[in-house]
Amino acid sequence: MLKSILKIIKKIIISIIVLYGYNMVTQSFNLNIPINIITVAIMTIFDGSGFLGLVTFYLLNFR
């Protein structure tokens, strides 16, 4: 039980760090993805494909 909780917390922290890093790299292009509960949840559940999905969704809908 404790291992699964720690694994989820670790995935949440990694998701926040990846989103923050992406926002720092693409800041000059105005391609920021907001860091909120929904985006962190998507990245936590779907890992790398969730990140690519968020980037694709943002580029297709908000550019």
PDB file of N, CA and C in Angstrom:
ATOM      1  N   MET A   1       0.833  -1.195   0.000  1.00  0.00           N
ATOM      2  CA  MET A   1       0.000   0.000   0.000  1.00  0.00           C
ATOM      3  C   MET A   1       0.873   1.254   0.000  1.00  0.00           C
ATOM      4  N   LEU A   2       1.865   1.276   0.880  1.00  0.00           N
ATOM      5  CA  LEU A   2       2.732   2.430   0.981  1.00  0.00           C
ATOM      6  C   LEU A   2       3.579   2.601  -0.277  1.00  0.00           C
ATOM      7  N   LYS A   3       4.001   1.488  -0.873  1.00  0.00           N
ATOM      8  CA  LYS A   3       4.800   1.561  -2.098  1.00  0.00           C
ATOM      9  C   LYS A   3       3.998   2.164  -3.243  1.00  0.00           C
ATOM     10  N   SER A   4       2.733   1.805  -3.352  1.00  0.00           N
ATOM     11  CA  SER A   4       1.914   2.350  -4.436  1.00  0.00           C
ATOM     12  C   SER A   4       1.652   3.843  -4.239  1.00  0.00           C
ATOM     13  N   ILE A   5       1.479   4.275  -2.999  1.00  0.00           N
ATOM     14  CA  ILE A   5       1.279   5.695  -2.721  1.00  0.00           C
ATOM     15  C   ILE A   5       2.538   6.477  -3.049  1.00  0.00           C
ATOM     16  N   LEU A   6       3.694   5.950  -2.687  1.00  0.00           N
ATOM     17  CA  LEU A   6       4.958   6.613  -2.996  1.00  0.00           C
ATOM     18  C   LEU A   6       5.204   6.660  -4.500  1.00  0.00           C
ATOM     19  N   LYS A   7       4.800   5.611  -5.208  1.00  0.00           N
ATOM     20  CA  LYS A   7       4.954   5.578  -6.662  1.00  0.00           C
ATOM     21  C   LYS A   7       4.094   6.658  -7.315  1.00  0.00           C
ATOM     22  N   ILE A   8       2.867   6.830  -6.848  1.00  0.00           N
ATOM     23  CA  ILE A   8       1.977   7.858  -7.385  1.00  0.00           C
ATOM     24  C   ILE A   8       2.516   9.255  -7.086  1.00  0.00           C
ATOM     25  N   ILE A   9       2.997   9.477  -5.875  1.00  0.00           N
ATOM     26  CA  ILE A   9       3.561  10.780  -5.514  1.00  0.00           C
ATOM     27  C   ILE A   9       4.787  11.083  -6.365  1.00  0.00           C
ATOM     28  N   LYS A  10       5.610  10.071  -6.616  1.00  0.00           N
ATOM     29  CA  LYS A  10       6.787  10.245  -7.466  1.00  0.00           C
ATOM     30  C   LYS A  10       6.391  10.615  -8.893  1.00  0.00           C
ATOM     31  N   LYS A  11       5.353   9.970  -9.428  1.00  0.00           N
ATOM     32  CA  LYS A  11       4.883  10.288 -10.778  1.00  0.00           C
ATOM     33  C   LYS A  11       4.317  11.702 -10.843  1.00  0.00           C
ATOM     34  N   ILE A  12       3.638  12.150  -9.799  1.00  0.00           N
ATOM     35  CA  ILE A  12       3.094  13.507  -9.750  1.00  0.00           C
ATOM     36  C   ILE A  12       4.225  14.531  -9.768  1.00  0.00           C
ATOM     37  N   ILE A  13       5.256  14.295  -8.962  1.00  0.00           N
ATOM     38  CA  ILE A  13       6.385  15.221  -8.901  1.00  0.00           C
ATOM     39  C   ILE A  13       7.117  15.271 -10.241  1.00  0.00           C
ATOM     40  N   ILE A  14       7.326  14.121 -10.868  1.00  0.00           N
ATOM     41  CA  ILE A  14       7.986  14.079 -12.176  1.00  0.00           C
ATOM     42  C   ILE A  14       7.146  14.804 -13.215  1.00  0.00           C
ATOM     43  N   SER A  15       5.825  14.645 -13.165  1.00  0.00           N
ATOM     44  CA  SER A  15       4.944  15.336 -14.109  1.00  0.00           C
ATOM     45  C   SER A  15       5.060  16.844 -13.970  1.00  0.00           C
ATOM     46  N   ILE A  16       5.099  17.335 -12.750  1.00  0.00           N
ATOM     47  CA  ILE A  16       5.226  18.772 -12.515  1.00  0.00           C
ATOM     48  C   ILE A  16       6.569  19.273 -13.028  1.00  0.00           C
ATOM     49  N   ILE A  17       7.636  18.515 -12.784  1.00  0.00           N
ATOM     50  CA  ILE A  17       8.963  18.922 -13.236  1.00  0.00           C
ATOM     51  C   ILE A  17       9.031  18.947 -14.762  1.00  0.00           C
ATOM     52  N   VAL A  18       8.446  17.951 -15.432  1.00  0.00           N
ATOM     53  CA  VAL A  18       8.462  17.909 -16.897  1.00  0.00           C
ATOM     54  C   VAL A  18       7.674  19.085 -17.471  1.00  0.00           C
ATOM     55  N   LEU A  19       6.506  19.365 -16.920  1.00  0.00           N
ATOM     56  CA  LEU A  19       5.718  20.505 -17.406  1.00  0.00           C
ATOM     57  C   LEU A  19       6.448  21.822 -17.174  1.00  0.00           C
ATOM     58  N   TYR A  20       7.076  21.961 -16.029  1.00  0.00           N
ATOM     59  CA  TYR A  20       7.830  23.183 -15.732  1.00  0.00           C
ATOM     60  C   TYR A  20       9.012  23.330 -16.691  1.00  0.00           C
ATOM     61  N   GLY A  21       9.721  22.236 -16.947  1.00  0.00           N
ATOM     62  CA  GLY A  21      10.837  22.268 -17.880  1.00  0.00           C
ATOM     63  C   GLY A  21      10.392  22.622 -19.286  1.00  0.00           C
ATOM     64  N   TYR A  22       9.293  22.032 -19.722  1.00  0.00           N
ATOM     65  CA  TYR A  22       8.737  22.358 -21.045  1.00  0.00           C
ATOM     66  C   TYR A  22       8.383  23.837 -21.128  1.00  0.00           C
ATOM     67  N   ASN A  23       7.755  24.356 -20.083  1.00  0.00           N
ATOM     68  CA  ASN A  23       7.372  25.771 -20.079  1.00  0.00           C
ATOM     69  C   ASN A  23       8.595  26.680 -20.097  1.00  0.00           C
ATOM     70  N   MET A  24       9.671  26.284 -19.440  1.00  0.00           N
ATOM     71  CA  MET A  24      10.885  27.093 -19.453  1.00  0.00           C
ATOM     72  C   MET A  24      11.525  27.098 -20.839  1.00  0.00           C
ATOM     73  N   VAL A  25      11.510  25.958 -21.520  1.00  0.00           N
ATOM     74  CA  VAL A  25      12.127  25.863 -22.844  1.00  0.00           C
ATOM     75  C   VAL A  25      11.305  26.618 -23.882  1.00  0.00           C
ATOM     76  N   THR A  26       9.999  26.517 -23.825  1.00  0.00           N
ATOM     77  CA  THR A  26       9.144  27.122 -24.856  1.00  0.00           C
ATOM     78  C   THR A  26       8.569  28.479 -24.455  1.00  0.00           C
ATOM     79  N   GLN A  27       9.122  29.077 -23.433  1.00  0.00           N
ATOM     80  CA  GLN A  27       8.622  30.362 -22.949  1.00  0.00           C
ATOM     81  C   GLN A  27       8.738  31.451 -24.010  1.00  0.00           C
ATOM     82  N   SER A  28       9.802  31.471 -24.763  1.00  0.00           N
ATOM     83  CA  SER A  28       9.988  32.521 -25.762  1.00  0.00           C
ATOM     84  C   SER A  28       9.055  32.359 -26.959  1.00  0.00           C
ATOM     85  N   PHE A  29       8.499  31.165 -27.156  1.00  0.00           N
ATOM     86  CA  PHE A  29       7.574  30.913 -28.263  1.00  0.00           C
ATOM     87  C   PHE A  29       6.107  31.034 -27.851  1.00  0.00           C
ATOM     88  N   ASN A  30       5.846  31.361 -26.588  1.00  0.00           N
ATOM     89  CA  ASN A  30       4.487  31.440 -26.028  1.00  0.00           C
ATOM     90  C   ASN A  30       3.723  30.134 -26.202  1.00  0.00           C
ATOM     91  N   LEU A  31       4.367  29.034 -25.931  1.00  0.00           N
ATOM     92  CA  LEU A  31       3.724  27.715 -26.007  1.00  0.00           C
ATOM     93  C   LEU A  31       3.597  27.095 -24.620  1.00  0.00           C
ATOM     94  N   ASN A  32       3.261  27.890 -23.629  1.00  0.00           N
ATOM     95  CA  ASN A  32       3.182  27.405 -22.254  1.00  0.00           C
ATOM     96  C   ASN A  32       1.934  26.575 -22.021  1.00  0.00           C
ATOM     97  N   ILE A  33       2.113  25.458 -21.345  1.00  0.00           N
ATOM     98  CA  ILE A  33       0.993  24.626 -20.898  1.00  0.00           C
ATOM     99  C   ILE A  33       0.819  24.902 -19.411  1.00  0.00           C
ATOM    100  N   PRO A  34      -0.371  25.304 -18.984  1.00  0.00           N
ATOM    101  CA  PRO A  34      -0.550  25.621 -17.565  1.00  0.00           C
ATOM    102  C   PRO A  34      -0.346  24.386 -16.679  1.00  0.00           C
ATOM    103  N   ILE A  35       0.256  24.623 -15.534  1.00  0.00           N
ATOM    104  CA  ILE A  35       0.449  23.542 -14.576  1.00  0.00           C
ATOM    105  C   ILE A  35      -0.707  23.618 -13.582  1.00  0.00           C
ATOM    106  N   ASN A  36      -1.682  22.731 -13.765  1.00  0.00           N
ATOM    107  CA  ASN A  36      -2.819  22.668 -12.860  1.00  0.00           C
ATOM    108  C   ASN A  36      -3.162  21.200 -12.605  1.00  0.00           C
ATOM    109  N   ILE A  37      -4.207  20.965 -11.865  1.00  0.00           N
ATOM    110  CA  ILE A  37      -4.559  19.600 -11.462  1.00  0.00           C
ATOM    111  C   ILE A  37      -4.875  18.726 -12.666  1.00  0.00           C
ATOM    112  N   ILE A  38      -5.546  19.270 -13.652  1.00  0.00           N
ATOM    113  CA  ILE A  38      -5.951  18.471 -14.814  1.00  0.00           C
ATOM    114  C   ILE A  38      -4.742  18.039 -15.630  1.00  0.00           C
ATOM    115  N   THR A  39      -3.841  18.986 -15.934  1.00  0.00           N
ATOM    116  CA  THR A  39      -2.679  18.622 -16.741  1.00  0.00           C
ATOM    117  C   THR A  39      -1.744  17.678 -15.997  1.00  0.00           C
ATOM    118  N   VAL A  40      -1.579  17.886 -14.709  1.00  0.00           N
ATOM    119  CA  VAL A  40      -0.733  16.981 -13.918  1.00  0.00           C
ATOM    120  C   VAL A  40      -1.375  15.604 -13.832  1.00  0.00           C
ATOM    121  N   ALA A  41      -2.693  15.538 -13.699  1.00  0.00           N
ATOM    122  CA  ALA A  41      -3.377  14.246 -13.658  1.00  0.00           C
ATOM    123  C   ALA A  41      -3.236  13.497 -14.982  1.00  0.00           C
ATOM    124  N   ILE A  42      -3.359  14.210 -16.091  1.00  0.00           N
ATOM    125  CA  ILE A  42      -3.193  13.576 -17.402  1.00  0.00           C
ATOM    126  C   ILE A  42      -1.788  13.029 -17.546  1.00  0.00           C
ATOM    127  N   MET A  43      -0.794  13.827 -17.142  1.00  0.00           N
ATOM    128  CA  MET A  43       0.590  13.354 -17.249  1.00  0.00           C
ATOM    129  C   MET A  43       0.875  12.210 -16.285  1.00  0.00           C
ATOM    130  N   THR A  44       0.257  12.220 -15.108  1.00  0.00           N
ATOM    131  CA  THR A  44       0.478  11.143 -14.140  1.00  0.00           C
ATOM    132  C   THR A  44      -0.130   9.836 -14.632  1.00  0.00           C
ATOM    133  N   ILE A  45      -1.293   9.909 -15.217  1.00  0.00           N
ATOM    134  CA  ILE A  45      -1.973   8.691 -15.663  1.00  0.00           C
ATOM    135  C   ILE A  45      -1.365   8.144 -16.947  1.00  0.00           C
ATOM    136  N   PHE A  46      -1.081   9.030 -17.919  1.00  0.00           N
ATOM    137  CA  PHE A  46      -0.667   8.575 -19.245  1.00  0.00           C
ATOM    138  C   PHE A  46       0.823   8.719 -19.540  1.00  0.00           C
ATOM    139  N   ASP A  47       1.614   9.190 -18.599  1.00  0.00           N
ATOM    140  CA  ASP A  47       3.070   9.329 -18.737  1.00  0.00           C
ATOM    141  C   ASP A  47       3.477  10.141 -19.966  1.00  0.00           C
ATOM    142  N   GLY A  48       4.387   9.614 -20.768  1.00  0.00           N
ATOM    143  CA  GLY A  48       4.925  10.340 -21.923  1.00  0.00           C
ATOM    144  C   GLY A  48       3.906  10.607 -22.996  1.00  0.00           C
ATOM    145  N   SER A  49       3.020   9.659 -23.227  1.00  0.00           N
ATOM    146  CA  SER A  49       2.000   9.872 -24.245  1.00  0.00           C
ATOM    147  C   SER A  49       1.008  10.952 -23.813  1.00  0.00           C
ATOM    148  N   GLY A  50       0.797  11.080 -22.524  1.00  0.00           N
ATOM    149  CA  GLY A  50      -0.049  12.169 -22.024  1.00  0.00           C
ATOM    150  C   GLY A  50       0.585  13.521 -22.269  1.00  0.00           C
ATOM    151  N   PHE A  51       1.911  13.588 -22.100  1.00  0.00           N
ATOM    152  CA  PHE A  51       2.629  14.837 -22.375  1.00  0.00           C
ATOM    153  C   PHE A  51       2.538  15.194 -23.851  1.00  0.00           C
ATOM    154  N   LEU A  52       2.789  14.227 -24.705  1.00  0.00           N
ATOM    155  CA  LEU A  52       2.683  14.479 -26.147  1.00  0.00           C
ATOM    156  C   LEU A  52       1.258  14.853 -26.537  1.00  0.00           C
ATOM    157  N   GLY A  53       0.279  14.237 -25.907  1.00  0.00           N
ATOM    158  CA  GLY A  53      -1.115  14.588 -26.167  1.00  0.00           C
ATOM    159  C   GLY A  53      -1.436  16.007 -25.738  1.00  0.00           C
ATOM    160  N   LEU A  54      -0.915  16.433 -24.592  1.00  0.00           N
ATOM    161  CA  LEU A  54      -1.141  17.804 -24.139  1.00  0.00           C
ATOM    162  C   LEU A  54      -0.508  18.809 -25.094  1.00  0.00           C
ATOM    163  N   VAL A  55       0.715  18.535 -25.530  1.00  0.00           N
ATOM    164  CA  VAL A  55       1.394  19.439 -26.457  1.00  0.00           C
ATOM    165  C   VAL A  55       0.638  19.510 -27.774  1.00  0.00           C
ATOM    166  N   THR A  56       0.237  18.354 -28.289  1.00  0.00           N
ATOM    167  CA  THR A  56      -0.514  18.318 -29.546  1.00  0.00           C
ATOM    168  C   THR A  56      -1.846  19.041 -29.416  1.00  0.00           C
ATOM    169  N   PHE A  57      -2.562  18.786 -28.338  1.00  0.00           N
ATOM    170  CA  PHE A  57      -3.838  19.451 -28.102  1.00  0.00           C
ATOM    171  C   PHE A  57      -3.669  20.962 -28.045  1.00  0.00           C
ATOM    172  N   TYR A  58      -2.639  21.412 -27.338  1.00  0.00           N
ATOM    173  CA  TYR A  58      -2.403  22.849 -27.228  1.00  0.00           C
ATOM    174  C   TYR A  58      -2.075  23.454 -28.585  1.00  0.00           C
ATOM    175  N   LEU A  59      -1.199  22.794 -29.343  1.00  0.00           N
ATOM    176  CA  LEU A  59      -0.793  23.337 -30.647  1.00  0.00           C
ATOM    177  C   LEU A  59      -1.964  23.373 -31.632  1.00  0.00           C
ATOM    178  N   LEU A  60      -2.833  22.379 -31.597  1.00  0.00           N
ATOM    179  CA  LEU A  60      -3.949  22.338 -32.542  1.00  0.00           C
ATOM    180  C   LEU A  60      -5.082  23.295 -32.166  1.00  0.00           C
ATOM    181  N   ASN A  61      -5.264  23.556 -30.882  1.00  0.00           N
ATOM    182  CA  ASN A  61      -6.413  24.334 -30.462  1.00  0.00           C
ATOM    183  C   ASN A  61      -6.124  25.777 -30.074  1.00  0.00           C
ATOM    184  N   PHE A  62      -4.924  26.076 -29.647  1.00  0.00           N
ATOM    185  CA  PHE A  62      -4.664  27.400 -29.112  1.00  0.00           C
ATOM    186  C   PHE A  62      -3.617  28.187 -29.881  1.00  0.00           C
ATOM    187  N   ARG A  63      -3.303  27.808 -31.091  1.00  0.00           N
ATOM    188  CA  ARG A  63      -2.344  28.562 -31.910  1.00  0.00           C
ATOM    189  C   ARG A  63      -3.039  29.336 -32.967  1.00  0.00           C
TER     190      ARG A  63
END
